[in-house]
Structures are given as structure tokens and as C-alpha cells.
Amino acid sequence: MMRKLSAGDASTPEWIKSSYSDSSNGSECVEVAAVQDAVLVRDSKDTRRPHLAHPPHAWAAFVAYAARAA
């Protein structure tokens, strides 16, 4: 995901689907949301399940790593 996230209201995170997700590959979709002190990640196919919360610096490091590996 190459889109900059802005922190929103923590009670209602704005979920954004990965730019690499598409309708032809329904088994690999994630969504992310930025809240005040974390970046949340969830499975877009089952949004009722728990999400993962990462510190912003850890998410930024992951995105940088993923961009180099792509």
C-alpha cells in the first residue's frame, strides 16, 4: 500500500483496502486504518474478526521492506 494514511477518530477508523487487492484474487485482501497511536490491519473478507494493531514506526518499516521486495 503506497497511500499515506491520516489518523482519524479512533472510535470509527476509516478502513482502506490495499491497492494490491483486486476482485480477481478474492483470497488475498487486507484493509488498513490509521488511528491515533496505531495502524490497524484486518482481513477484508471477514471484518468481524479481530484486527492487528501495529505501532506506526513498525508499519512504516514493513511498508518500506515490502516496497523493496516487490
PDB file of N, CA and C in Angstrom:
ATOM      1  N   MET A   1       0.849  -1.163   0.000  1.00  0.00           N
ATOM      2  CA  MET A   1       0.000   0.000   0.000  1.00  0.00           C
ATOM      3  C   MET A   1       0.892   1.221   0.000  1.00  0.00           C
ATOM      4  N   MET A   2       0.677   2.100  -0.919  1.00  0.00           N
ATOM      5  CA  MET A   2       1.522   3.264  -1.077  1.00  0.00           C
ATOM      6  C   MET A   2       0.786   4.557  -0.724  1.00  0.00           C
ATOM      7  N   ARG A   3      -0.375   4.460  -0.140  1.00  0.00           N
ATOM      8  CA  ARG A   3      -1.163   5.644   0.191  1.00  0.00           C
ATOM      9  C   ARG A   3      -0.857   6.090   1.615  1.00  0.00           C
ATOM     10  N   LYS A   4      -0.641   7.389   1.803  1.00  0.00           N
ATOM     11  CA  LYS A   4      -0.385   7.917   3.138  1.00  0.00           C
ATOM     12  C   LYS A   4      -1.694   7.920   3.917  1.00  0.00           C
ATOM     13  N   LEU A   5      -1.645   7.417   5.135  1.00  0.00           N
ATOM     14  CA  LEU A   5      -2.827   7.356   5.973  1.00  0.00           C
ATOM     15  C   LEU A   5      -2.829   8.527   6.945  1.00  0.00           C
ATOM     16  N   SER A   6      -3.998   9.068   7.189  1.00  0.00           N
ATOM     17  CA  SER A   6      -4.110  10.108   8.207  1.00  0.00           C
ATOM     18  C   SER A   6      -4.902   9.556   9.374  1.00  0.00           C
ATOM     19  N   ALA A   7      -4.495   9.920  10.556  1.00  0.00           N
ATOM     20  CA  ALA A   7      -5.180   9.427  11.754  1.00  0.00           C
ATOM     21  C   ALA A   7      -6.558  10.058  11.844  1.00  0.00           C
ATOM     22  N   GLY A   8      -7.557   9.228  12.059  1.00  0.00           N
ATOM     23  CA  GLY A   8      -8.920   9.717  12.187  1.00  0.00           C
ATOM     24  C   GLY A   8      -9.423   9.518  13.599  1.00  0.00           C
ATOM     25  N   ASP A   9     -10.699   9.566  13.768  1.00  0.00           N
ATOM     26  CA  ASP A   9     -11.339   9.327  15.051  1.00  0.00           C
ATOM     27  C   ASP A   9     -11.157   7.867  15.413  1.00  0.00           C
ATOM     28  N   ALA A  10     -10.537   7.578  16.553  1.00  0.00           N
ATOM     29  CA  ALA A  10     -10.217   6.206  16.946  1.00  0.00           C
ATOM     30  C   ALA A  10     -11.461   5.346  17.121  1.00  0.00           C
ATOM     31  N   SER A  11     -12.621   5.954  17.379  1.00  0.00           N
ATOM     32  CA  SER A  11     -13.827   5.155  17.574  1.00  0.00           C
ATOM     33  C   SER A  11     -14.406   4.659  16.258  1.00  0.00           C
ATOM     34  N   THR A  12     -14.088   5.321  15.152  1.00  0.00           N
ATOM     35  CA  THR A  12     -14.582   4.909  13.845  1.00  0.00           C
ATOM     36  C   THR A  12     -13.450   4.977  12.819  1.00  0.00           C
ATOM     37  N   PRO A  13     -12.576   3.991  12.823  1.00  0.00           N
ATOM     38  CA  PRO A  13     -11.456   4.036  11.873  1.00  0.00           C
ATOM     39  C   PRO A  13     -11.946   3.973  10.428  1.00  0.00           C
ATOM     40  N   GLU A  14     -11.245   4.667   9.551  1.00  0.00           N
ATOM     41  CA  GLU A  14     -11.543   4.640   8.121  1.00  0.00           C
ATOM     42  C   GLU A  14     -10.682   3.548   7.484  1.00  0.00           C
ATOM     43  N   TRP A  15     -11.303   2.450   7.114  1.00  0.00           N
ATOM     44  CA  TRP A  15     -10.589   1.308   6.553  1.00  0.00           C
ATOM     45  C   TRP A  15     -10.360   1.526   5.062  1.00  0.00           C
ATOM     46  N   ILE A  16      -9.139   1.241   4.627  1.00  0.00           N
ATOM     47  CA  ILE A  16      -8.747   1.398   3.230  1.00  0.00           C
ATOM     48  C   ILE A  16      -8.228   0.064   2.731  1.00  0.00           C
ATOM     49  N   LYS A  17      -8.771  -0.408   1.617  1.00  0.00           N
ATOM     50  CA  LYS A  17      -8.329  -1.678   1.049  1.00  0.00           C
ATOM     51  C   LYS A  17      -6.978  -1.501   0.372  1.00  0.00           C
ATOM     52  N   SER A  18      -6.145  -2.498   0.469  1.00  0.00           N
ATOM     53  CA  SER A  18      -4.826  -2.464  -0.163  1.00  0.00           C
ATOM     54  C   SER A  18      -4.950  -2.182  -1.651  1.00  0.00           C
ATOM     55  N   SER A  19      -4.051  -1.367  -2.174  1.00  0.00           N
ATOM     56  CA  SER A  19      -4.047  -1.069  -3.604  1.00  0.00           C
ATOM     57  C   SER A  19      -3.682  -2.299  -4.428  1.00  0.00           C
ATOM     58  N   TYR A  20      -3.155  -3.327  -3.792  1.00  0.00           N
ATOM     59  CA  TYR A  20      -2.809  -4.565  -4.487  1.00  0.00           C
ATOM     60  C   TYR A  20      -3.957  -5.580  -4.473  1.00  0.00           C
ATOM     61  N   SER A  21      -5.040  -5.298  -3.766  1.00  0.00           N
ATOM     62  CA  SER A  21      -6.196  -6.180  -3.747  1.00  0.00           C
ATOM     63  C   SER A  21      -7.035  -5.928  -4.987  1.00  0.00           C
ATOM     64  N   ASP A  22      -7.533  -6.990  -5.573  1.00  0.00           N
ATOM     65  CA  ASP A  22      -8.426  -6.830  -6.722  1.00  0.00           C
ATOM     66  C   ASP A  22      -9.477  -7.923  -6.699  1.00  0.00           C
ATOM     67  N   SER A  23     -10.482  -7.777  -7.512  1.00  0.00           N
ATOM     68  CA  SER A  23     -11.601  -8.719  -7.497  1.00  0.00           C
ATOM     69  C   SER A  23     -11.239 -10.073  -8.096  1.00  0.00           C
ATOM     70  N   SER A  24     -10.142 -10.172  -8.843  1.00  0.00           N
ATOM     71  CA  SER A  24      -9.785 -11.455  -9.455  1.00  0.00           C
ATOM     72  C   SER A  24      -9.103 -12.397  -8.469  1.00  0.00           C
ATOM     73  N   ASN A  25      -8.637 -11.876  -7.335  1.00  0.00           N
ATOM     74  CA  ASN A  25      -7.954 -12.703  -6.350  1.00  0.00           C
ATOM     75  C   ASN A  25      -8.594 -12.458  -4.988  1.00  0.00           C
ATOM     76  N   GLY A  26      -9.782 -13.008  -4.794  1.00  0.00           N
ATOM     77  CA  GLY A  26     -10.547 -12.764  -3.581  1.00  0.00           C
ATOM     78  C   GLY A  26      -9.986 -13.364  -2.316  1.00  0.00           C
ATOM     79  N   SER A  27      -8.932 -14.171  -2.408  1.00  0.00           N
ATOM     80  CA  SER A  27      -8.407 -14.823  -1.208  1.00  0.00           C
ATOM     81  C   SER A  27      -7.296 -14.033  -0.527  1.00  0.00           C
ATOM     82  N   GLU A  28      -6.872 -12.911  -1.075  1.00  0.00           N
ATOM     83  CA  GLU A  28      -5.759 -12.163  -0.500  1.00  0.00           C
ATOM     84  C   GLU A  28      -6.093 -10.684  -0.401  1.00  0.00           C
ATOM     85  N   CYS A  29      -6.946 -10.312   0.528  1.00  0.00           N
ATOM     86  CA  CYS A  29      -7.341  -8.914   0.671  1.00  0.00           C
ATOM     87  C   CYS A  29      -7.130  -8.460   2.108  1.00  0.00           C
ATOM     88  N   VAL A  30      -6.498  -7.320   2.260  1.00  0.00           N
ATOM     89  CA  VAL A  30      -6.343  -6.715   3.577  1.00  0.00           C
ATOM     90  C   VAL A  30      -6.799  -5.268   3.516  1.00  0.00           C
ATOM     91  N   GLU A  31      -7.176  -4.754   4.674  1.00  0.00           N
ATOM     92  CA  GLU A  31      -7.531  -3.357   4.819  1.00  0.00           C
ATOM     93  C   GLU A  31      -6.713  -2.788   5.971  1.00  0.00           C
ATOM     94  N   VAL A  32      -6.407  -1.513   5.884  1.00  0.00           N
ATOM     95  CA  VAL A  32      -5.675  -0.843   6.960  1.00  0.00           C
ATOM     96  C   VAL A  32      -6.430   0.417   7.364  1.00  0.00           C
ATOM     97  N   ALA A  33      -6.211   0.827   8.596  1.00  0.00           N
ATOM     98  CA  ALA A  33      -6.790   2.065   9.111  1.00  0.00           C
ATOM     99  C   ALA A  33      -5.802   2.682  10.089  1.00  0.00           C
ATOM    100  N   ALA A  34      -5.635   3.978  10.008  1.00  0.00           N
ATOM    101  CA  ALA A  34      -4.772   4.683  10.946  1.00  0.00           C
ATOM    102  C   ALA A  34      -5.628   5.273  12.059  1.00  0.00           C
ATOM    103  N   VAL A  35      -5.227   5.017  13.283  1.00  0.00           N
ATOM    104  CA  VAL A  35      -5.844   5.646  14.449  1.00  0.00           C
ATOM    105  C   VAL A  35      -4.732   6.393  15.177  1.00  0.00           C
ATOM    106  N   GLN A  36      -5.046   7.012  16.270  1.00  0.00           N
ATOM    107  CA  GLN A  36      -4.093   7.928  16.894  1.00  0.00           C
ATOM    108  C   GLN A  36      -2.710   7.325  17.136  1.00  0.00           C
ATOM    109  N   ASP A  37      -2.612   6.144  17.715  1.00  0.00           N
ATOM    110  CA  ASP A  37      -1.308   5.581  18.062  1.00  0.00           C
ATOM    111  C   ASP A  37      -1.005   4.247  17.404  1.00  0.00           C
ATOM    112  N   ALA A  38      -1.717   3.911  16.329  1.00  0.00           N
ATOM    113  CA  ALA A  38      -1.514   2.599  15.716  1.00  0.00           C
ATOM    114  C   ALA A  38      -1.999   2.587  14.271  1.00  0.00           C
ATOM    115  N   VAL A  39      -1.523   1.594  13.558  1.00  0.00           N
ATOM    116  CA  VAL A  39      -2.057   1.270  12.239  1.00  0.00           C
ATOM    117  C   VAL A  39      -2.721  -0.093  12.394  1.00  0.00           C
ATOM    118  N   LEU A  40      -3.997  -0.160  12.066  1.00  0.00           N
ATOM    119  CA  LEU A  40      -4.774  -1.388  12.210  1.00  0.00           C
ATOM    120  C   LEU A  40      -4.794  -2.126  10.880  1.00  0.00           C
ATOM    121  N   VAL A  41      -4.757  -3.459  10.950  1.00  0.00           N
ATOM    122  CA  VAL A  41      -4.787  -4.297   9.749  1.00  0.00           C
ATOM    123  C   VAL A  41      -5.827  -5.388   9.981  1.00  0.00           C
ATOM    124  N   ARG A  42      -6.683  -5.613   8.973  1.00  0.00           N
ATOM    125  CA  ARG A  42      -7.695  -6.666   9.099  1.00  0.00           C
ATOM    126  C   ARG A  42      -7.906  -7.363   7.765  1.00  0.00           C
ATOM    127  N   ASP A  43      -8.535  -8.510   7.839  1.00  0.00           N
ATOM    128  CA  ASP A  43      -8.919  -9.290   6.671  1.00  0.00           C
ATOM    129  C   ASP A  43     -10.203  -8.679   6.113  1.00  0.00           C
ATOM    130  N   SER A  44     -10.167  -8.210   4.882  1.00  0.00           N
ATOM    131  CA  SER A  44     -11.347  -7.537   4.329  1.00  0.00           C
ATOM    132  C   SER A  44     -12.490  -8.495   4.008  1.00  0.00           C
ATOM    133  N   LYS A  45     -12.211  -9.779   3.969  1.00  0.00           N
ATOM    134  CA  LYS A  45     -13.263 -10.752   3.672  1.00  0.00           C
ATOM    135  C   LYS A  45     -14.100 -11.064   4.909  1.00  0.00           C
ATOM    136  N   ASP A  46     -13.546 -10.848   6.109  1.00  0.00           N
ATOM    137  CA  ASP A  46     -14.268 -11.139   7.342  1.00  0.00           C
ATOM    138  C   ASP A  46     -13.959 -10.038   8.356  1.00  0.00           C
ATOM    139  N   THR A  47     -14.630  -8.917   8.201  1.00  0.00           N
ATOM    140  CA  THR A  47     -14.321  -7.740   9.014  1.00  0.00           C
ATOM    141  C   THR A  47     -14.777  -7.868  10.463  1.00  0.00           C
ATOM    142  N   ARG A  48     -15.535  -8.899  10.788  1.00  0.00           N
ATOM    143  CA  ARG A  48     -15.976  -9.109  12.173  1.00  0.00           C
ATOM    144  C   ARG A  48     -14.875  -9.707  13.031  1.00  0.00           C
ATOM    145  N   ARG A  49     -13.886 -10.301  12.393  1.00  0.00           N
ATOM    146  CA  ARG A  49     -12.784 -10.908  13.153  1.00  0.00           C
ATOM    147  C   ARG A  49     -11.893  -9.816  13.722  1.00  0.00           C
ATOM    148  N   PRO A  50     -11.085 -10.158  14.730  1.00  0.00           N
ATOM    149  CA  PRO A  50     -10.190  -9.148  15.313  1.00  0.00           C
ATOM    150  C   PRO A  50      -9.186  -8.617  14.294  1.00  0.00           C
ATOM    151  N   HIS A  51      -8.715  -7.424  14.540  1.00  0.00           N
ATOM    152  CA  HIS A  51      -7.695  -6.824  13.692  1.00  0.00           C
ATOM    153  C   HIS A  51      -6.355  -6.825  14.442  1.00  0.00           C
ATOM    154  N   LEU A  52      -5.292  -6.590  13.721  1.00  0.00           N
ATOM    155  CA  LEU A  52      -3.968  -6.433  14.313  1.00  0.00           C
ATOM    156  C   LEU A  52      -3.682  -4.951  14.456  1.00  0.00           C
ATOM    157  N   ALA A  53      -2.983  -4.567  15.522  1.00  0.00           N
ATOM    158  CA  ALA A  53      -2.605  -3.172  15.733  1.00  0.00           C
ATOM    159  C   ALA A  53      -1.080  -3.095  15.789  1.00  0.00           C
ATOM    160  N   HIS A  54      -0.523  -2.204  14.989  1.00  0.00           N
ATOM    161  CA  HIS A  54       0.935  -2.045  14.912  1.00  0.00           C
ATOM    162  C   HIS A  54       1.306  -0.606  15.231  1.00  0.00           C
ATOM    163  N   PRO A  55       2.422  -0.388  15.933  1.00  0.00           N
ATOM    164  CA  PRO A  55       2.892   0.986  16.116  1.00  0.00           C
ATOM    165  C   PRO A  55       3.212   1.591  14.752  1.00  0.00           C
ATOM    166  N   PRO A  56       2.974   2.871  14.568  1.00  0.00           N
ATOM    167  CA  PRO A  56       3.226   3.499  13.259  1.00  0.00           C
ATOM    168  C   PRO A  56       4.640   3.264  12.728  1.00  0.00           C
ATOM    169  N   HIS A  57       5.655   3.287  13.604  1.00  0.00           N
ATOM    170  CA  HIS A  57       7.029   3.084  13.116  1.00  0.00           C
ATOM    171  C   HIS A  57       7.226   1.662  12.596  1.00  0.00           C
ATOM    172  N   ALA A  58       6.572   0.693  13.202  1.00  0.00           N
ATOM    173  CA  ALA A  58       6.689  -0.694  12.734  1.00  0.00           C
ATOM    174  C   ALA A  58       5.988  -0.855  11.383  1.00  0.00           C
ATOM    175  N   TRP A  59       4.835  -0.217  11.218  1.00  0.00           N
ATOM    176  CA  TRP A  59       4.122  -0.291   9.929  1.00  0.00           C
ATOM    177  C   TRP A  59       4.945   0.364   8.826  1.00  0.00           C
ATOM    178  N   ALA A  60       5.540   1.519   9.130  1.00  0.00           N
ATOM    179  CA  ALA A  60       6.363   2.211   8.137  1.00  0.00           C
ATOM    180  C   ALA A  60       7.551   1.346   7.726  1.00  0.00           C
ATOM    181  N   ALA A  61       8.167   0.658   8.669  1.00  0.00           N
ATOM    182  CA  ALA A  61       9.290  -0.228   8.351  1.00  0.00           C
ATOM    183  C   ALA A  61       8.822  -1.397   7.483  1.00  0.00           C
ATOM    184  N   PHE A  62       7.652  -1.950   7.792  1.00  0.00           N
ATOM    185  CA  PHE A  62       7.114  -3.049   6.985  1.00  0.00           C
ATOM    186  C   PHE A  62       6.835  -2.596   5.552  1.00  0.00           C
ATOM    187  N   VAL A  63       6.208  -1.438   5.391  1.00  0.00           N
ATOM    188  CA  VAL A  63       5.887  -0.938   4.054  1.00  0.00           C
ATOM    189  C   VAL A  63       7.169  -0.697   3.260  1.00  0.00           C
ATOM    190  N   ALA A  64       8.188  -0.131   3.896  1.00  0.00           N
ATOM    191  CA  ALA A  64       9.465   0.100   3.212  1.00  0.00           C
ATOM    192  C   ALA A  64      10.081  -1.224   2.790  1.00  0.00           C
ATOM    193  N   TYR A  65      10.045  -2.221   3.659  1.00  0.00           N
ATOM    194  CA  TYR A  65      10.573  -3.547   3.325  1.00  0.00           C
ATOM    195  C   TYR A  65       9.793  -4.158   2.160  1.00  0.00           C
ATOM    196  N   ALA A  66       8.472  -4.105   2.231  1.00  0.00           N
ATOM    197  CA  ALA A  66       7.638  -4.691   1.181  1.00  0.00           C
ATOM    198  C   ALA A  66       7.880  -4.001  -0.169  1.00  0.00           C
ATOM    199  N   ALA A  67       8.084  -2.703  -0.151  1.00  0.00           N
ATOM    200  CA  ALA A  67       8.336  -1.975  -1.396  1.00  0.00           C
ATOM    201  C   ALA A  67       9.663  -2.405  -2.028  1.00  0.00           C
ATOM    202  N   ARG A  68      10.665  -2.671  -1.204  1.00  0.00           N
ATOM    203  CA  ARG A  68      11.956  -3.133  -1.727  1.00  0.00           C
ATOM    204  C   ARG A  68      11.868  -4.558  -2.270  1.00  0.00           C
ATOM    205  N   ALA A  69      11.037  -5.379  -1.627  1.00  0.00           N
ATOM    206  CA  ALA A  69      10.933  -6.793  -2.013  1.00  0.00           C
ATOM    207  C   ALA A  69      10.074  -6.986  -3.264  1.00  0.00           C
ATOM    208  N   ALA A  70       9.253  -6.003  -3.586  1.00  0.00           N
ATOM    209  CA  ALA A  70       8.320  -6.145  -4.734  1.00  0.00           C
ATOM    210  C   ALA A  70       9.026  -6.049  -6.056  1.00  0.00           C
TER     211      ALA A  70
END
